[in-house]
Amino acid sequence: MPSFLESLYYGQLNPVEKAVSNDPQYRNLSRQISESMNAWKKRLTDDEFQELEDMLDLYRQVQGLEMAASFADGFRLGAMMIVEVYSN
């Protein structure tokens, strides 16, 4: 089994793949989103629905960038805590 650093180097670690919430509300909210999207699909023309999907894709891209920044900040905070613990 490769070490953590080897796995990181070879790109075998991808935290976003495991970024599914354990919060009990997660499944319920996901279901509500799916139901809402189905309702919008019935209400809108194909072109209008495509515009909605395109806008939501842009939102997901921004959200992904925010998640990456949050991950990096959390990692830095954790590393700073470790440094402080070992320096005292």
N, C-alpha and C. Protein backbone atom coordinates (compact mmCIF):
# COMPACT_ATOMS: atom_id res chain seq x y z
N MET A 1 0.85 -1.17 0.00
CA MET A 1 0.00 0.00 0.00
C MET A 1 0.90 1.24 0.00
N PRO A 2 0.66 2.16 -0.93
CA PRO A 2 1.51 3.35 -1.01
C PRO A 2 1.26 4.27 0.19
N SER A 3 2.29 5.04 0.53
CA SER A 3 2.14 6.00 1.63
C SER A 3 1.20 7.12 1.21
N PHE A 4 0.81 7.90 2.19
CA PHE A 4 -0.06 9.05 1.93
C PHE A 4 0.61 9.99 0.93
N LEU A 5 1.88 10.30 1.15
CA LEU A 5 2.58 11.23 0.26
C LEU A 5 2.72 10.67 -1.16
N GLU A 6 2.97 9.37 -1.29
CA GLU A 6 3.03 8.77 -2.62
C GLU A 6 1.67 8.83 -3.31
N SER A 7 0.63 8.53 -2.58
CA SER A 7 -0.73 8.61 -3.15
C SER A 7 -1.05 10.02 -3.59
N LEU A 8 -0.64 11.01 -2.79
CA LEU A 8 -0.85 12.40 -3.15
C LEU A 8 -0.07 12.76 -4.40
N TYR A 9 1.19 12.34 -4.45
CA TYR A 9 2.06 12.65 -5.59
C TYR A 9 1.51 12.05 -6.89
N TYR A 10 1.06 10.82 -6.83
CA TYR A 10 0.58 10.14 -8.03
C TYR A 10 -0.88 10.44 -8.37
N GLY A 11 -1.48 11.37 -7.65
CA GLY A 11 -2.84 11.80 -7.96
C GLY A 11 -3.91 10.79 -7.60
N GLN A 12 -3.61 9.92 -6.66
CA GLN A 12 -4.57 8.89 -6.27
C GLN A 12 -5.53 9.37 -5.19
N LEU A 13 -5.28 10.56 -4.66
CA LEU A 13 -6.18 11.13 -3.65
C LEU A 13 -7.00 12.23 -4.30
N ASN A 14 -8.28 12.12 -4.16
CA ASN A 14 -9.18 13.13 -4.71
C ASN A 14 -10.30 13.37 -3.70
N PRO A 15 -10.07 14.29 -2.74
CA PRO A 15 -11.05 14.49 -1.67
C PRO A 15 -12.45 14.84 -2.14
N VAL A 16 -12.56 15.49 -3.29
CA VAL A 16 -13.89 15.90 -3.76
C VAL A 16 -14.76 14.68 -4.08
N GLU A 17 -14.15 13.54 -4.40
CA GLU A 17 -14.93 12.34 -4.68
C GLU A 17 -15.65 11.83 -3.44
N LYS A 18 -15.13 12.17 -2.27
CA LYS A 18 -15.72 11.70 -1.03
C LYS A 18 -16.46 12.81 -0.31
N ALA A 19 -16.72 13.89 -0.99
CA ALA A 19 -17.34 15.06 -0.37
C ALA A 19 -18.86 14.96 -0.38
N VAL A 20 -19.38 13.90 0.21
CA VAL A 20 -20.82 13.75 0.36
C VAL A 20 -21.14 13.91 1.83
N SER A 21 -22.06 14.77 2.11
CA SER A 21 -22.40 15.09 3.49
C SER A 21 -23.02 13.90 4.21
N ASN A 22 -22.69 13.78 5.48
CA ASN A 22 -23.32 12.77 6.34
C ASN A 22 -24.50 13.35 7.09
N ASP A 23 -24.78 14.62 6.86
CA ASP A 23 -25.89 15.29 7.53
C ASP A 23 -27.19 14.62 7.13
N PRO A 24 -28.06 14.35 8.08
CA PRO A 24 -29.33 13.67 7.76
C PRO A 24 -30.21 14.45 6.77
N GLN A 25 -30.02 15.76 6.68
CA GLN A 25 -30.83 16.57 5.78
C GLN A 25 -30.37 16.45 4.32
N TYR A 26 -29.17 15.93 4.10
CA TYR A 26 -28.58 15.91 2.76
C TYR A 26 -29.47 15.20 1.73
N ARG A 27 -29.89 13.99 2.04
CA ARG A 27 -30.72 13.23 1.09
C ARG A 27 -32.06 13.92 0.83
N ASN A 28 -32.65 14.45 1.88
CA ASN A 28 -33.93 15.14 1.73
C ASN A 28 -33.78 16.37 0.83
N LEU A 29 -32.74 17.16 1.06
CA LEU A 29 -32.51 18.34 0.24
C LEU A 29 -32.20 17.96 -1.21
N SER A 30 -31.43 16.91 -1.39
CA SER A 30 -31.12 16.44 -2.76
C SER A 30 -32.39 16.01 -3.48
N ARG A 31 -33.26 15.32 -2.76
CA ARG A 31 -34.54 14.89 -3.35
C ARG A 31 -35.38 16.11 -3.73
N GLN A 32 -35.41 17.11 -2.85
CA GLN A 32 -36.18 18.32 -3.14
C GLN A 32 -35.64 19.05 -4.37
N ILE A 33 -34.33 19.08 -4.52
CA ILE A 33 -33.72 19.70 -5.70
C ILE A 33 -34.14 18.96 -6.96
N SER A 34 -34.08 17.63 -6.92
CA SER A 34 -34.48 16.83 -8.09
C SER A 34 -35.94 17.06 -8.45
N GLU A 35 -36.79 17.09 -7.44
CA GLU A 35 -38.21 17.32 -7.70
C GLU A 35 -38.44 18.71 -8.28
N SER A 36 -37.73 19.70 -7.76
CA SER A 36 -37.86 21.07 -8.27
C SER A 36 -37.38 21.16 -9.72
N MET A 37 -36.27 20.51 -10.02
CA MET A 37 -35.76 20.53 -11.40
C MET A 37 -36.76 19.88 -12.36
N ASN A 38 -37.37 18.80 -11.92
CA ASN A 38 -38.39 18.14 -12.76
C ASN A 38 -39.59 19.07 -12.99
N ALA A 39 -39.97 19.79 -11.95
CA ALA A 39 -41.10 20.73 -12.09
C ALA A 39 -40.74 21.86 -13.06
N TRP A 40 -39.52 22.39 -12.93
CA TRP A 40 -39.08 23.46 -13.85
C TRP A 40 -39.00 22.94 -15.28
N LYS A 41 -38.57 21.71 -15.45
CA LYS A 41 -38.47 21.14 -16.80
C LYS A 41 -39.84 21.06 -17.46
N LYS A 42 -40.85 20.76 -16.68
CA LYS A 42 -42.22 20.68 -17.22
C LYS A 42 -42.76 22.07 -17.55
N ARG A 43 -42.36 23.07 -16.76
CA ARG A 43 -42.88 24.42 -16.91
C ARG A 43 -42.24 25.22 -18.03
N LEU A 44 -40.95 24.98 -18.26
CA LEU A 44 -40.18 25.79 -19.21
C LEU A 44 -40.08 25.13 -20.57
N THR A 45 -39.80 25.94 -21.58
CA THR A 45 -39.50 25.38 -22.90
C THR A 45 -38.13 24.70 -22.82
N ASP A 46 -37.80 23.92 -23.81
CA ASP A 46 -36.50 23.25 -23.84
C ASP A 46 -35.35 24.25 -23.77
N ASP A 47 -35.47 25.34 -24.53
CA ASP A 47 -34.41 26.36 -24.53
C ASP A 47 -34.30 27.06 -23.17
N GLU A 48 -35.43 27.37 -22.57
CA GLU A 48 -35.42 28.02 -21.26
C GLU A 48 -34.83 27.10 -20.20
N PHE A 49 -35.20 25.82 -20.27
CA PHE A 49 -34.67 24.88 -19.30
C PHE A 49 -33.16 24.70 -19.49
N GLN A 50 -32.71 24.73 -20.73
CA GLN A 50 -31.27 24.64 -21.00
C GLN A 50 -30.54 25.83 -20.40
N GLU A 51 -31.14 27.01 -20.52
CA GLU A 51 -30.56 28.22 -19.90
C GLU A 51 -30.46 28.06 -18.38
N LEU A 52 -31.51 27.51 -17.78
CA LEU A 52 -31.49 27.27 -16.34
C LEU A 52 -30.38 26.29 -15.98
N GLU A 53 -30.26 25.20 -16.72
CA GLU A 53 -29.20 24.23 -16.45
C GLU A 53 -27.81 24.84 -16.63
N ASP A 54 -27.66 25.68 -17.65
CA ASP A 54 -26.36 26.36 -17.88
C ASP A 54 -26.01 27.26 -16.70
N MET A 55 -27.00 28.00 -16.20
CA MET A 55 -26.77 28.87 -15.06
C MET A 55 -26.41 28.04 -13.82
N LEU A 56 -27.11 26.94 -13.61
CA LEU A 56 -26.81 26.08 -12.47
C LEU A 56 -25.42 25.45 -12.60
N ASP A 57 -24.99 25.13 -13.82
CA ASP A 57 -23.63 24.62 -14.04
C ASP A 57 -22.59 25.67 -13.64
N LEU A 58 -22.84 26.93 -13.98
CA LEU A 58 -21.94 28.01 -13.57
C LEU A 58 -21.90 28.11 -12.05
N TYR A 59 -23.06 28.00 -11.43
CA TYR A 59 -23.12 28.05 -9.97
C TYR A 59 -22.31 26.90 -9.36
N ARG A 60 -22.44 25.70 -9.94
CA ARG A 60 -21.68 24.54 -9.43
C ARG A 60 -20.18 24.75 -9.59
N GLN A 61 -19.77 25.40 -10.67
CA GLN A 61 -18.35 25.68 -10.86
C GLN A 61 -17.84 26.63 -9.78
N VAL A 62 -18.60 27.68 -9.50
CA VAL A 62 -18.23 28.62 -8.44
C VAL A 62 -18.19 27.90 -7.10
N GLN A 63 -19.19 27.07 -6.86
CA GLN A 63 -19.25 26.32 -5.62
C GLN A 63 -18.04 25.40 -5.48
N GLY A 64 -17.62 24.79 -6.57
CA GLY A 64 -16.43 23.94 -6.54
C GLY A 64 -15.18 24.72 -6.19
N LEU A 65 -15.06 25.92 -6.76
CA LEU A 65 -13.91 26.77 -6.43
C LEU A 65 -13.93 27.17 -4.96
N GLU A 66 -15.12 27.47 -4.45
CA GLU A 66 -15.24 27.82 -3.03
C GLU A 66 -14.88 26.63 -2.14
N MET A 67 -15.31 25.43 -2.53
CA MET A 67 -14.98 24.23 -1.76
C MET A 67 -13.47 23.98 -1.76
N ALA A 68 -12.82 24.18 -2.90
CA ALA A 68 -11.38 23.99 -2.98
C ALA A 68 -10.66 24.99 -2.09
N ALA A 69 -11.10 26.24 -2.09
CA ALA A 69 -10.48 27.25 -1.25
C ALA A 69 -10.70 26.93 0.23
N SER A 70 -11.90 26.48 0.57
CA SER A 70 -12.21 26.11 1.95
C SER A 70 -11.35 24.93 2.40
N PHE A 71 -11.17 23.95 1.53
CA PHE A 71 -10.33 22.79 1.82
C PHE A 71 -8.90 23.24 2.09
N ALA A 72 -8.37 24.10 1.22
CA ALA A 72 -6.99 24.58 1.38
C ALA A 72 -6.85 25.37 2.69
N ASP A 73 -7.81 26.23 2.99
CA ASP A 73 -7.76 27.00 4.23
C ASP A 73 -7.82 26.08 5.45
N GLY A 74 -8.67 25.09 5.41
CA GLY A 74 -8.77 24.13 6.52
C GLY A 74 -7.49 23.35 6.69
N PHE A 75 -6.88 22.97 5.58
CA PHE A 75 -5.62 22.23 5.64
C PHE A 75 -4.53 23.11 6.26
N ARG A 76 -4.47 24.39 5.84
CA ARG A 76 -3.48 25.32 6.41
C ARG A 76 -3.68 25.50 7.91
N LEU A 77 -4.95 25.66 8.32
CA LEU A 77 -5.24 25.81 9.74
C LEU A 77 -4.79 24.58 10.53
N GLY A 78 -5.07 23.41 9.99
CA GLY A 78 -4.65 22.17 10.65
C GLY A 78 -3.14 22.08 10.74
N ALA A 79 -2.46 22.45 9.67
CA ALA A 79 -0.99 22.42 9.68
C ALA A 79 -0.44 23.42 10.69
N MET A 80 -1.05 24.60 10.76
CA MET A 80 -0.58 25.61 11.74
C MET A 80 -0.79 25.11 13.17
N MET A 81 -1.89 24.39 13.42
CA MET A 81 -2.12 23.84 14.75
C MET A 81 -1.04 22.83 15.10
N ILE A 82 -0.70 21.98 14.15
CA ILE A 82 0.34 20.98 14.39
C ILE A 82 1.68 21.64 14.67
N VAL A 83 2.02 22.66 13.89
CA VAL A 83 3.27 23.39 14.09
C VAL A 83 3.30 24.00 15.49
N GLU A 84 2.18 24.62 15.89
CA GLU A 84 2.14 25.25 17.20
C GLU A 84 2.26 24.22 18.31
N VAL A 85 1.59 23.10 18.16
CA VAL A 85 1.65 22.05 19.19
C VAL A 85 3.08 21.55 19.35
N TYR A 86 3.77 21.31 18.25
CA TYR A 86 5.13 20.77 18.33
C TYR A 86 6.17 21.83 18.66
N SER A 87 5.85 23.11 18.47
CA SER A 87 6.83 24.16 18.78
C SER A 87 6.81 24.56 20.25
N ASN A 88 5.74 24.21 20.95
CA ASN A 88 5.67 24.57 22.39
C ASN A 88 6.19 23.45 23.20
